[in-house]
Amino acid sequence: MDDIERYGLHIVHVLEEADLPPFAYTVGLCHTFVQPEILVYGLPKTTAHNLLNHLADQLREGKKYAAGQIDDDLVEGYRVTFRIVPQPQYRTHLGWAAWFNERPDFPALQLIYPDRQGQWPWDEGASADFRHQQIVLADANSDGV
């Protein structure tokens, strides 16, 4: 709560567990910026933290993010895109955001980045390891795999 009051968001880091790679997500973007909470998979903790903080800085400057949008300013040298996180995924992936937002229908997006060759996780040329590290929740079953 203190982070949200002071910085406009809190970032939750979830360690790798069973079949799920590590991920991080925001709590407070809906409240502070009237923007969806953001989740990102498969990045080291510091990288994910810095990326989500940079995204919040962009929101402070008036930038908006939406499902299907492609952005080339957020990560230098890479394009990123956003997909809706389906509500059945909230329990597994956005628990503290659900608690904070006090409603089951808050908006949430997954930030998706390409591999070093520019392949998205859904591209035929993307490696199986890259696909595993960046599960696309919009395409996953209700368990997130």
C-alpha atoms as a PDB file:
ATOM      1  CA  MET A   1       0.000   0.000   0.000  1.00  0.00           C
ATOM      2  CA  ASP A   2       2.890   2.358   0.807  1.00  0.00           C
ATOM      3  CA  ASP A   3       4.482   1.726  -2.604  1.00  0.00           C
ATOM      4  CA  ILE A   4       1.219   2.490  -4.387  1.00  0.00           C
ATOM      5  CA  GLU A   5       0.759   5.693  -2.411  1.00  0.00           C
ATOM      6  CA  ARG A   6       4.371   6.786  -2.937  1.00  0.00           C
ATOM      7  CA  TYR A   7       5.147   5.480  -6.464  1.00  0.00           C
ATOM      8  CA  GLY A   8       1.745   4.746  -7.977  1.00  0.00           C
ATOM      9  CA  LEU A   9       2.342   1.000  -8.100  1.00  0.00           C
ATOM     10  CA  HIS A  10       3.777  -2.025  -6.379  1.00  0.00           C
ATOM     11  CA  ILE A  11       5.508  -4.804  -8.296  1.00  0.00           C
ATOM     12  CA  VAL A  12       4.985  -8.429  -7.293  1.00  0.00           C
ATOM     13  CA  HIS A  13       7.605 -10.984  -8.325  1.00  0.00           C
ATOM     14  CA  VAL A  14       6.636 -14.638  -8.520  1.00  0.00           C
ATOM     15  CA  LEU A  15       9.379 -17.253  -8.569  1.00  0.00           C
ATOM     16  CA  GLU A  16       9.485 -20.141 -11.027  1.00  0.00           C
ATOM     17  CA  GLU A  17       7.282 -22.968  -9.801  1.00  0.00           C
ATOM     18  CA  ALA A  18       6.377 -26.347 -11.313  1.00  0.00           C
ATOM     19  CA  ASP A  19       5.621 -25.659 -14.996  1.00  0.00           C
ATOM     20  CA  LEU A  20       5.407 -21.887 -14.647  1.00  0.00           C
ATOM     21  CA  PRO A  21       8.415 -19.665 -15.364  1.00  0.00           C
ATOM     22  CA  PRO A  22       8.996 -16.574 -13.189  1.00  0.00           C
ATOM     23  CA  PHE A  23       6.817 -13.549 -13.766  1.00  0.00           C
ATOM     24  CA  ALA A  24       6.128 -10.117 -12.351  1.00  0.00           C
ATOM     25  CA  TYR A  25       3.040  -7.934 -12.302  1.00  0.00           C
ATOM     26  CA  THR A  26       1.877  -4.544 -11.166  1.00  0.00           C
ATOM     27  CA  VAL A  27      -0.567  -3.653  -8.452  1.00  0.00           C
ATOM     28  CA  GLY A  28      -1.993  -0.153  -8.502  1.00  0.00           C
ATOM     29  CA  LEU A  29      -1.918   0.941 -12.154  1.00  0.00           C
ATOM     30  CA  CYS A  30      -5.739   0.732 -12.340  1.00  0.00           C
ATOM     31  CA  HIS A  31      -6.028   2.894  -9.252  1.00  0.00           C
ATOM     32  CA  THR A  32      -3.296   5.427 -10.005  1.00  0.00           C
ATOM     33  CA  PHE A  33      -3.378   5.754 -13.797  1.00  0.00           C
ATOM     34  CA  VAL A  34      -6.759   4.233 -14.756  1.00  0.00           C
ATOM     35  CA  GLN A  35      -4.781   1.781 -16.870  1.00  0.00           C
ATOM     36  CA  PRO A  36      -4.719  -2.028 -16.854  1.00  0.00           C
ATOM     37  CA  GLU A  37      -2.402  -3.878 -14.496  1.00  0.00           C
ATOM     38  CA  ILE A  38       0.562  -5.295 -16.436  1.00  0.00           C
ATOM     39  CA  LEU A  39       2.122  -8.759 -16.197  1.00  0.00           C
ATOM     40  CA  VAL A  40       5.382  -9.861 -17.827  1.00  0.00           C
ATOM     41  CA  TYR A  41       6.764 -13.397 -17.994  1.00  0.00           C
ATOM     42  CA  GLY A  42      10.227 -14.894 -18.184  1.00  0.00           C
ATOM     43  CA  LEU A  43      12.525 -11.982 -17.320  1.00  0.00           C
ATOM     44  CA  PRO A  44      15.097 -11.810 -14.518  1.00  0.00           C
ATOM     45  CA  LYS A  45      13.697 -10.062 -11.435  1.00  0.00           C
ATOM     46  CA  THR A  46      15.707  -6.848 -11.863  1.00  0.00           C
ATOM     47  CA  THR A  47      14.909  -6.610 -15.578  1.00  0.00           C
ATOM     48  CA  ALA A  48      11.184  -7.135 -14.998  1.00  0.00           C
ATOM     49  CA  HIS A  49      11.188  -4.625 -12.134  1.00  0.00           C
ATOM     50  CA  ASN A  50      12.960  -1.960 -14.179  1.00  0.00           C
ATOM     51  CA  LEU A  51      10.701  -2.560 -17.183  1.00  0.00           C
ATOM     52  CA  LEU A  52       7.488  -2.241 -15.173  1.00  0.00           C
ATOM     53  CA  ASN A  53       8.781   0.881 -13.418  1.00  0.00           C
ATOM     54  CA  HIS A  54       9.715   2.381 -16.799  1.00  0.00           C
ATOM     55  CA  LEU A  55       6.218   1.572 -18.064  1.00  0.00           C
ATOM     56  CA  ALA A  56       4.776   3.440 -15.051  1.00  0.00           C
ATOM     57  CA  ASP A  57       7.041   6.396 -15.872  1.00  0.00           C
ATOM     58  CA  GLN A  58       5.579   6.388 -19.379  1.00  0.00           C
ATOM     59  CA  LEU A  59       2.064   6.388 -17.915  1.00  0.00           C
ATOM     60  CA  ARG A  60       2.988   9.398 -15.761  1.00  0.00           C
ATOM     61  CA  GLU A  61       3.951  11.194 -18.970  1.00  0.00           C
ATOM     62  CA  GLY A  62       0.531  10.455 -20.488  1.00  0.00           C
ATOM     63  CA  LYS A  63       1.263   7.350 -22.545  1.00  0.00           C
ATOM     64  CA  LYS A  64      -1.494   4.720 -22.680  1.00  0.00           C
ATOM     65  CA  TYR A  65      -1.231   0.999 -23.388  1.00  0.00           C
ATOM     66  CA  ALA A  66      -3.933  -1.236 -24.861  1.00  0.00           C
ATOM     67  CA  ALA A  67      -4.422  -4.798 -26.053  1.00  0.00           C
ATOM     68  CA  GLY A  68      -3.005  -5.367 -29.530  1.00  0.00           C
ATOM     69  CA  GLN A  69      -0.864  -2.246 -29.427  1.00  0.00           C
ATOM     70  CA  ILE A  70       2.730  -2.550 -30.633  1.00  0.00           C
ATOM     71  CA  ASP A  71       5.168  -0.174 -28.975  1.00  0.00           C
ATOM     72  CA  ASP A  72       8.788   0.459 -29.981  1.00  0.00           C
ATOM     73  CA  ASP A  73       9.611   3.041 -27.299  1.00  0.00           C
ATOM     74  CA  LEU A  74       9.268   1.019 -24.097  1.00  0.00           C
ATOM     75  CA  VAL A  75      12.267  -1.302 -24.605  1.00  0.00           C
ATOM     76  CA  GLU A  76      15.192   0.126 -26.538  1.00  0.00           C
ATOM     77  CA  GLY A  77      15.837  -1.885 -29.696  1.00  0.00           C
ATOM     78  CA  TYR A  78      12.704  -4.054 -29.313  1.00  0.00           C
ATOM     79  CA  ARG A  79       9.059  -3.852 -30.137  1.00  0.00           C
ATOM     80  CA  VAL A  80       6.639  -5.085 -27.495  1.00  0.00           C
ATOM     81  CA  THR A  81       2.949  -5.794 -27.651  1.00  0.00           C
ATOM     82  CA  PHE A  82       0.120  -6.332 -25.199  1.00  0.00           C
ATOM     83  CA  ARG A  83      -2.529  -9.044 -24.900  1.00  0.00           C
ATOM     84  CA  ILE A  84      -5.489  -9.212 -22.540  1.00  0.00           C
ATOM     85  CA  VAL A  85      -5.015 -11.478 -19.537  1.00  0.00           C
ATOM     86  CA  PRO A  86      -8.204 -13.603 -19.430  1.00  0.00           C
ATOM     87  CA  GLN A  87     -10.056 -13.392 -16.116  1.00  0.00           C
ATOM     88  CA  PRO A  88      -9.737 -17.168 -15.467  1.00  0.00           C
ATOM     89  CA  GLN A  89      -5.957 -16.505 -15.230  1.00  0.00           C
ATOM     90  CA  TYR A  90      -6.297 -13.856 -12.499  1.00  0.00           C
ATOM     91  CA  ARG A  91      -6.366 -16.285  -9.569  1.00  0.00           C
ATOM     92  CA  THR A  92      -3.062 -17.905 -10.571  1.00  0.00           C
ATOM     93  CA  HIS A  93      -1.315 -14.801 -11.883  1.00  0.00           C
ATOM     94  CA  LEU A  94      -2.732 -11.609 -10.348  1.00  0.00           C
ATOM     95  CA  GLY A  95      -3.752 -12.463  -6.792  1.00  0.00           C
ATOM     96  CA  TRP A  96      -2.535  -9.305  -5.046  1.00  0.00           C
ATOM     97  CA  ALA A  97      -3.865  -7.101  -7.853  1.00  0.00           C
ATOM     98  CA  ALA A  98      -7.297  -8.717  -7.445  1.00  0.00           C
ATOM     99  CA  TRP A  99      -7.152  -8.121  -3.692  1.00  0.00           C
ATOM    100  CA  PHE A 100      -6.108  -4.477  -4.104  1.00  0.00           C
ATOM    101  CA  ASN A 101      -8.595  -3.656  -6.862  1.00  0.00           C
ATOM    102  CA  GLU A 102     -11.404  -5.256  -4.799  1.00  0.00           C
ATOM    103  CA  ARG A 103     -13.243  -6.460  -7.866  1.00  0.00           C
ATOM    104  CA  PRO A 104     -12.904  -9.427 -10.196  1.00  0.00           C
ATOM    105  CA  ASP A 105     -13.246  -7.493 -13.444  1.00  0.00           C
ATOM    106  CA  PHE A 106     -10.299  -5.057 -13.329  1.00  0.00           C
ATOM    107  CA  PRO A 107      -8.391  -4.849 -16.629  1.00  0.00           C
ATOM    108  CA  ALA A 108      -5.022  -6.581 -17.012  1.00  0.00           C
ATOM    109  CA  LEU A 109      -2.609  -6.893 -19.922  1.00  0.00           C
ATOM    110  CA  GLN A 110       0.372  -9.112 -20.551  1.00  0.00           C
ATOM    111  CA  LEU A 111       3.410  -7.329 -21.945  1.00  0.00           C
ATOM    112  CA  ILE A 112       4.958  -9.591 -24.593  1.00  0.00           C
ATOM    113  CA  TYR A 113       8.419  -9.147 -26.058  1.00  0.00           C
ATOM    114  CA  PRO A 114      10.131 -10.897 -28.980  1.00  0.00           C
ATOM    115  CA  ASP A 115      13.266 -13.030 -28.774  1.00  0.00           C
ATOM    116  CA  ARG A 116      16.626 -11.636 -29.908  1.00  0.00           C
ATOM    117  CA  GLN A 117      15.816 -12.586 -33.506  1.00  0.00           C
ATOM    118  CA  GLY A 118      12.553 -10.625 -33.385  1.00  0.00           C
ATOM    119  CA  GLN A 119      10.315 -13.719 -33.164  1.00  0.00           C
ATOM    120  CA  TRP A 120       7.149 -13.473 -31.072  1.00  0.00           C
ATOM    121  CA  PRO A 121       6.278 -16.515 -28.918  1.00  0.00           C
ATOM    122  CA  TRP A 122       3.527 -17.464 -31.378  1.00  0.00           C
ATOM    123  CA  ASP A 123       5.818 -17.294 -34.440  1.00  0.00           C
ATOM    124  CA  GLU A 124       6.752 -20.586 -36.040  1.00  0.00           C
ATOM    125  CA  GLY A 125      10.471 -19.810 -35.698  1.00  0.00           C
ATOM    126  CA  ALA A 126      10.357 -19.174 -31.920  1.00  0.00           C
ATOM    127  CA  SER A 127      12.177 -21.790 -29.845  1.00  0.00           C
ATOM    128  CA  ALA A 128      10.321 -24.090 -27.463  1.00  0.00           C
ATOM    129  CA  ASP A 129      12.360 -22.686 -24.559  1.00  0.00           C
ATOM    130  CA  PHE A 130      11.370 -19.108 -25.447  1.00  0.00           C
ATOM    131  CA  ARG A 131       7.710 -20.164 -25.706  1.00  0.00           C
ATOM    132  CA  HIS A 132       7.943 -21.817 -22.298  1.00  0.00           C
ATOM    133  CA  GLN A 133       9.589 -18.769 -20.702  1.00  0.00           C
ATOM    134  CA  GLN A 134       6.916 -16.463 -22.096  1.00  0.00           C
ATOM    135  CA  ILE A 135       3.607 -18.242 -21.873  1.00  0.00           C
ATOM    136  CA  VAL A 136       0.969 -16.159 -23.644  1.00  0.00           C
ATOM    137  CA  LEU A 137      -1.895 -16.236 -21.161  1.00  0.00           C
ATOM    138  CA  ALA A 138      -4.482 -15.291 -23.784  1.00  0.00           C
ATOM    139  CA  ASP A 139      -3.625 -18.613 -25.486  1.00  0.00           C
ATOM    140  CA  ALA A 140      -3.086 -20.747 -22.343  1.00  0.00           C
ATOM    141  CA  ASN A 141      -5.488 -23.078 -20.576  1.00  0.00           C
ATOM    142  CA  SER A 142      -6.937 -22.076 -17.204  1.00  0.00           C
ATOM    143  CA  ASP A 143      -3.846 -23.431 -15.396  1.00  0.00           C
ATOM    144  CA  GLY A 144      -1.603 -21.059 -17.364  1.00  0.00           C
ATOM    145  CA  VAL A 145       0.149 -23.682 -19.476  1.00  0.00           C
END
